[in-house]
Amino acid sequence: MKHLLLLALAFSVAAAAQTLPKQEPPGTPAHKSPLADYAGTWTGSFQEKTWITIKLALQGDRLTGSIQYPHKLEFNDQGELKSISDEQTTEIVQDAQVNPNGLLLTTKDPDTQEANRFTMKLTGETTAEIKMSAMKMPPGMPKIKPWKLTKAGTSPPTASH
């Protein structure tokens, strides 16, 4: 009788173990792509007008999107924007990879078919900076400073004086 009771108990435990779904321990965070924080529409302003728009969408495990900015940019001696043209260029994101410096975006110029690279770095939940990477500069030209971006649907931070 004792053997029968132990056998019944063993079958019950085995059956219960097979029917229970495998669960993660409580408090285990769901896996989030490192690209997810970059998804959205980002804009930068110059002289109180939007001059650059970056649209990024997370599709599976990769980012797709575009970068729209003025065809011609001029910089002052400190590497800051001095003037921009009204004519816009839209480049499609060919590749987006997270690296220690932020998000490396590779785009293709629709006119020249040359690859352009931008590095976008998050500075807050709704703020970021972007700069052109691996860009050939004329001799004597100052290093271009990163451009500040704000995620759409949020207000840009105000500077305190």
N, C-alpha and C. Protein backbone atom coordinates (compact mmCIF):
# COMPACT_ATOMS: atom_id res chain seq x y z
N MET A 1 0.83 -1.19 0.00
CA MET A 1 0.00 0.00 0.00
C MET A 1 0.88 1.26 0.00
N LYS A 2 1.96 1.19 0.79
CA LYS A 2 2.87 2.32 0.87
C LYS A 2 3.46 2.61 -0.50
N HIS A 3 3.85 1.57 -1.26
CA HIS A 3 4.42 1.74 -2.59
C HIS A 3 3.41 2.36 -3.55
N LEU A 4 2.17 1.96 -3.44
CA LEU A 4 1.12 2.49 -4.29
C LEU A 4 0.91 3.98 -4.04
N LEU A 5 0.94 4.38 -2.77
CA LEU A 5 0.77 5.78 -2.42
C LEU A 5 1.94 6.63 -2.94
N LEU A 6 3.17 6.13 -2.80
CA LEU A 6 4.34 6.85 -3.31
C LEU A 6 4.31 6.95 -4.83
N LEU A 7 3.88 5.89 -5.49
CA LEU A 7 3.78 5.88 -6.94
C LEU A 7 2.75 6.91 -7.42
N ALA A 8 1.62 6.98 -6.76
CA ALA A 8 0.57 7.95 -7.12
C ALA A 8 1.08 9.37 -6.91
N LEU A 9 1.80 9.58 -5.82
CA LEU A 9 2.36 10.90 -5.54
C LEU A 9 3.40 11.29 -6.61
N ALA A 10 4.25 10.37 -7.00
CA ALA A 10 5.26 10.64 -8.03
C ALA A 10 4.60 10.99 -9.35
N PHE A 11 3.55 10.26 -9.75
CA PHE A 11 2.84 10.57 -10.99
C PHE A 11 2.20 11.95 -10.93
N SER A 12 1.65 12.31 -9.79
CA SER A 12 1.01 13.63 -9.63
C SER A 12 2.02 14.75 -9.79
N VAL A 13 3.18 14.59 -9.16
CA VAL A 13 4.22 15.61 -9.25
C VAL A 13 4.74 15.73 -10.68
N ALA A 14 4.95 14.59 -11.34
CA ALA A 14 5.45 14.59 -12.72
C ALA A 14 4.43 15.24 -13.66
N ALA A 15 3.15 14.94 -13.49
CA ALA A 15 2.12 15.51 -14.35
C ALA A 15 2.02 17.03 -14.14
N ALA A 16 2.11 17.46 -12.91
CA ALA A 16 2.03 18.90 -12.62
C ALA A 16 3.23 19.63 -13.21
N ALA A 17 4.39 19.04 -13.12
CA ALA A 17 5.60 19.67 -13.66
C ALA A 17 5.52 19.80 -15.17
N GLN A 18 4.89 18.86 -15.85
CA GLN A 18 4.80 18.93 -17.31
C GLN A 18 3.77 19.95 -17.77
N THR A 19 2.76 20.25 -16.98
CA THR A 19 1.70 21.15 -17.41
C THR A 19 1.97 22.61 -17.05
N LEU A 20 2.89 22.86 -16.14
CA LEU A 20 3.16 24.24 -15.76
C LEU A 20 4.05 24.91 -16.80
N PRO A 21 3.67 26.10 -17.29
CA PRO A 21 4.53 26.81 -18.24
C PRO A 21 5.77 27.32 -17.52
N LYS A 22 6.87 27.41 -18.26
CA LYS A 22 8.11 27.94 -17.70
C LYS A 22 7.93 29.45 -17.54
N GLN A 23 8.19 29.94 -16.34
CA GLN A 23 8.03 31.36 -16.07
C GLN A 23 9.36 31.95 -15.63
N GLU A 24 9.56 33.22 -15.99
CA GLU A 24 10.75 33.94 -15.55
C GLU A 24 10.57 34.28 -14.07
N PRO A 25 11.65 34.40 -13.33
CA PRO A 25 11.53 34.81 -11.93
C PRO A 25 10.87 36.18 -11.84
N PRO A 26 10.12 36.43 -10.75
CA PRO A 26 9.47 37.75 -10.60
C PRO A 26 10.52 38.87 -10.64
N GLY A 27 10.16 39.97 -11.28
CA GLY A 27 11.05 41.12 -11.36
C GLY A 27 12.03 41.08 -12.51
N THR A 28 12.00 40.02 -13.33
CA THR A 28 12.89 39.94 -14.49
C THR A 28 12.35 40.88 -15.56
N PRO A 29 13.15 41.89 -16.00
CA PRO A 29 12.64 42.83 -17.01
C PRO A 29 12.52 42.16 -18.38
N ALA A 30 11.54 42.61 -19.15
CA ALA A 30 11.39 42.11 -20.51
C ALA A 30 12.55 42.62 -21.34
N HIS A 31 13.00 41.84 -22.33
CA HIS A 31 14.11 42.25 -23.19
C HIS A 31 13.69 43.45 -24.02
N LYS A 32 14.50 44.50 -23.99
CA LYS A 32 14.21 45.71 -24.76
C LYS A 32 15.39 45.96 -25.69
N SER A 33 15.10 46.21 -26.93
CA SER A 33 16.15 46.48 -27.91
C SER A 33 16.87 47.78 -27.56
N PRO A 34 18.21 47.81 -27.69
CA PRO A 34 18.94 49.06 -27.45
C PRO A 34 18.57 50.14 -28.46
N LEU A 35 17.93 49.74 -29.56
CA LEU A 35 17.52 50.70 -30.59
C LEU A 35 16.20 51.39 -30.24
N ALA A 36 15.43 50.81 -29.32
CA ALA A 36 14.08 51.30 -29.03
C ALA A 36 14.05 52.75 -28.58
N ASP A 37 15.02 53.18 -27.77
CA ASP A 37 15.02 54.56 -27.27
C ASP A 37 15.25 55.58 -28.38
N TYR A 38 15.80 55.16 -29.50
CA TYR A 38 16.05 56.07 -30.62
C TYR A 38 14.84 56.21 -31.55
N ALA A 39 13.91 55.26 -31.48
CA ALA A 39 12.74 55.30 -32.37
C ALA A 39 11.89 56.53 -32.08
N GLY A 40 11.38 57.13 -33.14
CA GLY A 40 10.53 58.30 -33.01
C GLY A 40 10.95 59.38 -34.01
N THR A 41 10.32 60.53 -33.89
CA THR A 41 10.65 61.67 -34.75
C THR A 41 11.41 62.68 -33.90
N TRP A 42 12.58 63.05 -34.39
CA TRP A 42 13.46 63.99 -33.69
C TRP A 42 13.64 65.23 -34.57
N THR A 43 13.64 66.41 -33.94
CA THR A 43 13.83 67.64 -34.71
C THR A 43 14.87 68.53 -34.03
N GLY A 44 15.51 69.34 -34.85
CA GLY A 44 16.45 70.34 -34.36
C GLY A 44 16.04 71.70 -34.91
N SER A 45 16.26 72.74 -34.11
CA SER A 45 15.87 74.10 -34.51
C SER A 45 17.08 74.99 -34.72
N PHE A 46 16.93 75.90 -35.67
CA PHE A 46 17.92 76.94 -35.95
C PHE A 46 17.14 78.22 -36.19
N GLN A 47 17.45 79.25 -35.44
CA GLN A 47 16.75 80.53 -35.51
C GLN A 47 15.24 80.31 -35.39
N GLU A 48 14.87 79.48 -34.40
CA GLU A 48 13.49 79.19 -34.02
C GLU A 48 12.67 78.50 -35.11
N LYS A 49 13.34 77.86 -36.09
CA LYS A 49 12.65 77.09 -37.12
C LYS A 49 13.25 75.69 -37.15
N THR A 50 12.39 74.71 -37.40
CA THR A 50 12.89 73.34 -37.53
C THR A 50 13.72 73.25 -38.80
N TRP A 51 14.95 72.78 -38.67
CA TRP A 51 15.82 72.68 -39.83
C TRP A 51 16.24 71.24 -40.13
N ILE A 52 16.15 70.35 -39.13
CA ILE A 52 16.50 68.94 -39.34
C ILE A 52 15.42 68.08 -38.71
N THR A 53 15.02 67.04 -39.44
CA THR A 53 14.03 66.09 -38.95
C THR A 53 14.56 64.68 -39.18
N ILE A 54 14.57 63.91 -38.12
CA ILE A 54 15.03 62.52 -38.20
C ILE A 54 13.87 61.64 -37.78
N LYS A 55 13.46 60.76 -38.68
CA LYS A 55 12.36 59.83 -38.39
C LYS A 55 12.93 58.42 -38.35
N LEU A 56 12.78 57.78 -37.20
CA LEU A 56 13.30 56.43 -37.02
C LEU A 56 12.19 55.52 -36.49
N ALA A 57 12.04 54.35 -37.10
CA ALA A 57 11.04 53.38 -36.69
C ALA A 57 11.72 52.05 -36.43
N LEU A 58 11.36 51.43 -35.31
CA LEU A 58 11.91 50.12 -34.96
C LEU A 58 11.06 49.06 -35.65
N GLN A 59 11.68 48.29 -36.52
CA GLN A 59 10.99 47.21 -37.22
C GLN A 59 11.76 45.93 -36.93
N GLY A 60 11.19 45.14 -36.03
CA GLY A 60 11.89 43.93 -35.61
C GLY A 60 13.11 44.31 -34.80
N ASP A 61 14.28 43.92 -35.27
CA ASP A 61 15.51 44.22 -34.55
C ASP A 61 16.37 45.26 -35.26
N ARG A 62 15.73 46.09 -36.13
CA ARG A 62 16.49 47.13 -36.82
C ARG A 62 15.69 48.42 -36.93
N LEU A 63 16.43 49.51 -37.10
CA LEU A 63 15.80 50.83 -37.28
C LEU A 63 15.77 51.17 -38.76
N THR A 64 14.67 51.73 -39.19
CA THR A 64 14.54 52.26 -40.55
C THR A 64 14.13 53.72 -40.42
N GLY A 65 14.27 54.47 -41.51
CA GLY A 65 13.82 55.85 -41.44
C GLY A 65 14.53 56.76 -42.40
N SER A 66 14.51 58.06 -42.07
CA SER A 66 15.10 59.07 -42.95
C SER A 66 15.61 60.25 -42.14
N ILE A 67 16.49 61.01 -42.78
CA ILE A 67 16.99 62.26 -42.22
C ILE A 67 16.78 63.33 -43.27
N GLN A 68 16.09 64.40 -42.89
CA GLN A 68 15.85 65.52 -43.80
C GLN A 68 16.53 66.75 -43.22
N TYR A 69 17.34 67.40 -44.06
CA TYR A 69 18.06 68.59 -43.61
C TYR A 69 18.35 69.47 -44.83
N PRO A 70 18.78 70.74 -44.59
CA PRO A 70 19.05 71.65 -45.71
C PRO A 70 20.18 71.13 -46.60
N HIS A 71 20.03 71.42 -47.88
CA HIS A 71 21.02 70.99 -48.87
C HIS A 71 22.38 71.65 -48.61
N LYS A 72 22.36 72.91 -48.17
CA LYS A 72 23.60 73.64 -47.91
C LYS A 72 23.61 74.15 -46.47
N LEU A 73 24.73 73.94 -45.81
CA LEU A 73 24.93 74.40 -44.44
C LEU A 73 26.20 75.25 -44.39
N GLU A 74 26.16 76.33 -43.64
CA GLU A 74 27.36 77.13 -43.43
C GLU A 74 27.61 77.21 -41.93
N PHE A 75 28.90 77.21 -41.55
CA PHE A 75 29.28 77.21 -40.15
C PHE A 75 30.15 78.42 -39.83
N ASN A 76 30.08 78.87 -38.56
CA ASN A 76 30.94 79.97 -38.14
C ASN A 76 32.29 79.40 -37.66
N ASP A 77 33.16 80.26 -37.18
CA ASP A 77 34.51 79.86 -36.76
C ASP A 77 34.51 78.94 -35.54
N GLN A 78 33.39 78.88 -34.81
CA GLN A 78 33.30 78.02 -33.64
C GLN A 78 32.69 76.65 -33.98
N GLY A 79 32.37 76.43 -35.26
CA GLY A 79 31.79 75.16 -35.67
C GLY A 79 30.29 75.07 -35.46
N GLU A 80 29.64 76.22 -35.25
CA GLU A 80 28.18 76.26 -35.07
C GLU A 80 27.52 76.66 -36.38
N LEU A 81 26.25 76.29 -36.54
CA LEU A 81 25.51 76.68 -37.75
C LEU A 81 25.46 78.19 -37.87
N LYS A 82 25.72 78.67 -39.07
CA LYS A 82 25.66 80.11 -39.36
C LYS A 82 24.48 80.41 -40.27
N SER A 83 24.29 79.55 -41.28
CA SER A 83 23.14 79.72 -42.17
C SER A 83 22.80 78.38 -42.82
N ILE A 84 21.55 78.29 -43.26
CA ILE A 84 21.07 77.08 -43.93
C ILE A 84 20.27 77.47 -45.17
N SER A 85 20.25 76.58 -46.15
CA SER A 85 19.47 76.85 -47.36
C SER A 85 18.03 76.39 -47.16
N ASP A 86 17.13 76.92 -47.97
CA ASP A 86 15.73 76.49 -47.92
C ASP A 86 15.55 75.13 -48.58
N GLU A 87 16.39 74.83 -49.56
CA GLU A 87 16.30 73.55 -50.28
C GLU A 87 16.67 72.41 -49.34
N GLN A 88 15.81 71.39 -49.28
CA GLN A 88 16.01 70.27 -48.37
C GLN A 88 16.49 69.01 -49.10
N THR A 89 17.23 68.19 -48.37
CA THR A 89 17.69 66.89 -48.85
C THR A 89 17.11 65.85 -47.90
N THR A 90 16.59 64.76 -48.45
CA THR A 90 16.11 63.65 -47.62
C THR A 90 16.93 62.42 -47.95
N GLU A 91 17.55 61.86 -46.93
CA GLU A 91 18.36 60.66 -47.10
C GLU A 91 17.72 59.52 -46.34
N ILE A 92 17.70 58.35 -46.95
CA ILE A 92 17.13 57.15 -46.34
C ILE A 92 18.19 56.45 -45.50
N VAL A 93 17.79 56.04 -44.30
CA VAL A 93 18.71 55.31 -43.42
C VAL A 93 18.95 53.92 -44.02
N GLN A 94 20.20 53.63 -44.32
CA GLN A 94 20.60 52.33 -44.86
C GLN A 94 20.95 51.34 -43.76
N ASP A 95 21.52 51.88 -42.65
CA ASP A 95 21.97 51.03 -41.55
C ASP A 95 21.96 51.84 -40.27
N ALA A 96 21.68 51.20 -39.15
CA ALA A 96 21.71 51.84 -37.84
C ALA A 96 22.29 50.85 -36.84
N GLN A 97 23.41 51.22 -36.22
CA GLN A 97 24.09 50.34 -35.28
C GLN A 97 24.42 51.11 -34.00
N VAL A 98 24.11 50.49 -32.85
CA VAL A 98 24.49 51.08 -31.58
C VAL A 98 25.96 50.74 -31.32
N ASN A 99 26.73 51.75 -30.93
CA ASN A 99 28.13 51.54 -30.56
C ASN A 99 28.40 52.36 -29.29
N PRO A 100 29.60 52.31 -28.73
CA PRO A 100 29.86 53.05 -27.49
C PRO A 100 29.63 54.57 -27.60
N ASN A 101 29.68 55.13 -28.80
CA ASN A 101 29.48 56.58 -28.98
C ASN A 101 28.02 56.95 -29.18
N GLY A 102 27.12 55.99 -29.32
CA GLY A 102 25.71 56.26 -29.56
C GLY A 102 25.19 55.41 -30.71
N LEU A 103 24.39 56.02 -31.56
CA LEU A 103 23.79 55.32 -32.70
C LEU A 103 24.45 55.82 -33.97
N LEU A 104 25.09 54.92 -34.70
CA LEU A 104 25.71 55.28 -35.97
C LEU A 104 24.69 55.03 -37.07
N LEU A 105 24.28 56.12 -37.73
CA LEU A 105 23.32 56.06 -38.83
C LEU A 105 24.07 56.22 -40.14
N THR A 106 23.86 55.30 -41.06
CA THR A 106 24.45 55.41 -42.39
C THR A 106 23.31 55.69 -43.36
N THR A 107 23.45 56.78 -44.13
CA THR A 107 22.44 57.17 -45.10
C THR A 107 23.08 57.24 -46.48
N LYS A 108 22.24 57.39 -47.49
CA LYS A 108 22.76 57.53 -48.85
C LYS A 108 22.23 58.83 -49.44
N ASP A 109 23.15 59.66 -49.95
CA ASP A 109 22.79 60.90 -50.60
C ASP A 109 22.08 60.56 -51.91
N PRO A 110 20.82 61.02 -52.10
CA PRO A 110 20.08 60.65 -53.31
C PRO A 110 20.70 61.20 -54.61
N ASP A 111 21.45 62.32 -54.51
CA ASP A 111 22.05 62.91 -55.70
C ASP A 111 23.36 62.24 -56.09
N THR A 112 24.25 62.07 -55.11
CA THR A 112 25.58 61.54 -55.41
C THR A 112 25.72 60.04 -55.16
N GLN A 113 24.73 59.45 -54.45
CA GLN A 113 24.76 58.04 -54.05
C GLN A 113 25.89 57.74 -53.08
N GLU A 114 26.52 58.79 -52.53
CA GLU A 114 27.58 58.60 -51.54
C GLU A 114 26.95 58.33 -50.18
N ALA A 115 27.65 57.52 -49.38
CA ALA A 115 27.19 57.23 -48.02
C ALA A 115 27.57 58.39 -47.10
N ASN A 116 26.65 58.77 -46.24
CA ASN A 116 26.91 59.75 -45.20
C ASN A 116 26.69 59.05 -43.86
N ARG A 117 27.44 59.46 -42.86
CA ARG A 117 27.30 58.85 -41.54
C ARG A 117 27.07 59.93 -40.50
N PHE A 118 26.14 59.62 -39.61
CA PHE A 118 25.80 60.52 -38.51
C PHE A 118 25.89 59.71 -37.22
N THR A 119 26.33 60.37 -36.15
CA THR A 119 26.32 59.74 -34.83
C THR A 119 25.33 60.49 -33.97
N MET A 120 24.34 59.74 -33.47
CA MET A 120 23.29 60.31 -32.62
C MET A 120 23.49 59.77 -31.21
N LYS A 121 23.51 60.68 -30.25
CA LYS A 121 23.73 60.29 -28.86
C LYS A 121 22.59 60.83 -28.01
N LEU A 122 21.96 59.94 -27.24
CA LEU A 122 20.90 60.37 -26.34
C LEU A 122 21.51 61.15 -25.18
N THR A 123 20.89 62.30 -24.87
CA THR A 123 21.35 63.10 -23.74
C THR A 123 20.30 63.13 -22.63
N GLY A 124 19.14 62.55 -22.91
CA GLY A 124 18.03 62.46 -21.97
C GLY A 124 16.96 61.58 -22.59
N GLU A 125 15.82 61.44 -21.92
CA GLU A 125 14.75 60.60 -22.47
C GLU A 125 14.19 61.17 -23.77
N THR A 126 14.16 62.50 -23.88
CA THR A 126 13.56 63.15 -25.05
C THR A 126 14.52 64.12 -25.73
N THR A 127 15.80 64.02 -25.40
CA THR A 127 16.79 64.91 -26.01
C THR A 127 17.97 64.09 -26.52
N ALA A 128 18.59 64.60 -27.56
CA ALA A 128 19.74 63.93 -28.15
C ALA A 128 20.60 64.96 -28.87
N GLU A 129 21.77 64.51 -29.29
CA GLU A 129 22.65 65.31 -30.14
C GLU A 129 23.02 64.46 -31.33
N ILE A 130 23.22 65.12 -32.46
CA ILE A 130 23.65 64.40 -33.66
C ILE A 130 24.77 65.19 -34.32
N LYS A 131 25.71 64.47 -34.89
CA LYS A 131 26.78 65.13 -35.64
C LYS A 131 27.12 64.27 -36.84
N MET A 132 27.69 64.92 -37.84
CA MET A 132 28.14 64.17 -39.00
C MET A 132 29.44 63.47 -38.63
N SER A 133 29.59 62.24 -39.05
CA SER A 133 30.78 61.45 -38.74
C SER A 133 31.54 61.15 -40.02
N ALA A 134 32.83 60.95 -39.89
CA ALA A 134 33.67 60.55 -41.03
C ALA A 134 33.45 61.47 -42.23
N MET A 135 33.38 62.75 -41.95
CA MET A 135 33.10 63.74 -42.98
C MET A 135 34.40 64.42 -43.39
N LYS A 136 34.65 64.55 -44.66
CA LYS A 136 35.85 65.24 -45.14
C LYS A 136 35.66 66.75 -44.98
N MET A 137 36.61 67.38 -44.30
CA MET A 137 36.53 68.82 -44.06
C MET A 137 37.65 69.52 -44.79
N PRO A 138 37.35 70.69 -45.33
CA PRO A 138 38.41 71.48 -45.96
C PRO A 138 39.45 71.87 -44.90
N PRO A 139 40.71 72.04 -45.31
CA PRO A 139 41.76 72.45 -44.35
C PRO A 139 41.39 73.76 -43.66
N GLY A 140 41.62 73.81 -42.36
CA GLY A 140 41.37 75.03 -41.60
C GLY A 140 39.95 75.20 -41.12
N MET A 141 39.05 74.34 -41.53
CA MET A 141 37.65 74.45 -41.10
C MET A 141 37.54 73.94 -39.66
N PRO A 142 36.78 74.67 -38.81
CA PRO A 142 36.65 74.25 -37.42
C PRO A 142 35.85 72.94 -37.31
N LYS A 143 36.08 72.23 -36.21
CA LYS A 143 35.34 71.01 -35.94
C LYS A 143 33.87 71.38 -35.70
N ILE A 144 32.97 70.73 -36.40
CA ILE A 144 31.54 71.05 -36.29
C ILE A 144 31.00 70.51 -34.98
N LYS A 145 30.27 71.36 -34.26
CA LYS A 145 29.67 70.97 -32.99
C LYS A 145 28.40 70.15 -33.25
N PRO A 146 28.06 69.25 -32.31
CA PRO A 146 26.83 68.47 -32.48
C PRO A 146 25.60 69.37 -32.45
N TRP A 147 24.55 68.90 -33.12
CA TRP A 147 23.29 69.64 -33.17
C TRP A 147 22.34 69.03 -32.16
N LYS A 148 21.61 69.87 -31.45
CA LYS A 148 20.68 69.41 -30.42
C LYS A 148 19.35 69.01 -31.05
N LEU A 149 18.80 67.90 -30.55
CA LEU A 149 17.54 67.37 -31.05
C LEU A 149 16.55 67.20 -29.90
N THR A 150 15.27 67.31 -30.24
CA THR A 150 14.19 67.06 -29.29
C THR A 150 13.24 66.06 -29.93
N LYS A 151 12.80 65.08 -29.15
CA LYS A 151 11.86 64.09 -29.65
C LYS A 151 10.50 64.75 -29.81
N ALA A 152 9.84 64.47 -30.93
CA ALA A 152 8.52 65.07 -31.22
C ALA A 152 7.55 64.75 -30.10
N GLY A 153 6.69 65.72 -29.82
CA GLY A 153 5.70 65.55 -28.77
C GLY A 153 6.22 66.01 -27.41
N THR A 154 7.44 66.53 -27.37
CA THR A 154 8.01 67.03 -26.12
C THR A 154 8.50 68.45 -26.35
N SER A 155 8.62 69.19 -25.29
CA SER A 155 9.12 70.57 -25.39
C SER A 155 10.63 70.58 -25.23
N PRO A 156 11.33 71.40 -26.01
CA PRO A 156 12.79 71.48 -25.82
C PRO A 156 13.10 72.05 -24.44
N PRO A 157 14.21 71.62 -23.83
CA PRO A 157 14.57 72.18 -22.53
C PRO A 157 14.90 73.66 -22.67
N THR A 158 14.52 74.42 -21.67
CA THR A 158 14.81 75.86 -21.72
C THR A 158 16.11 76.12 -20.97
N ALA A 159 16.91 76.99 -21.52
CA ALA A 159 18.20 77.33 -20.90
C ALA A 159 17.97 78.33 -19.78
N SER A 160 18.58 78.09 -18.64
CA SER A 160 18.46 79.06 -17.54
C SER A 160 19.66 79.99 -17.60
N HIS A 161 19.41 81.24 -17.34
CA HIS A 161 20.49 82.25 -17.42
C HIS A 161 20.91 82.66 -16.05
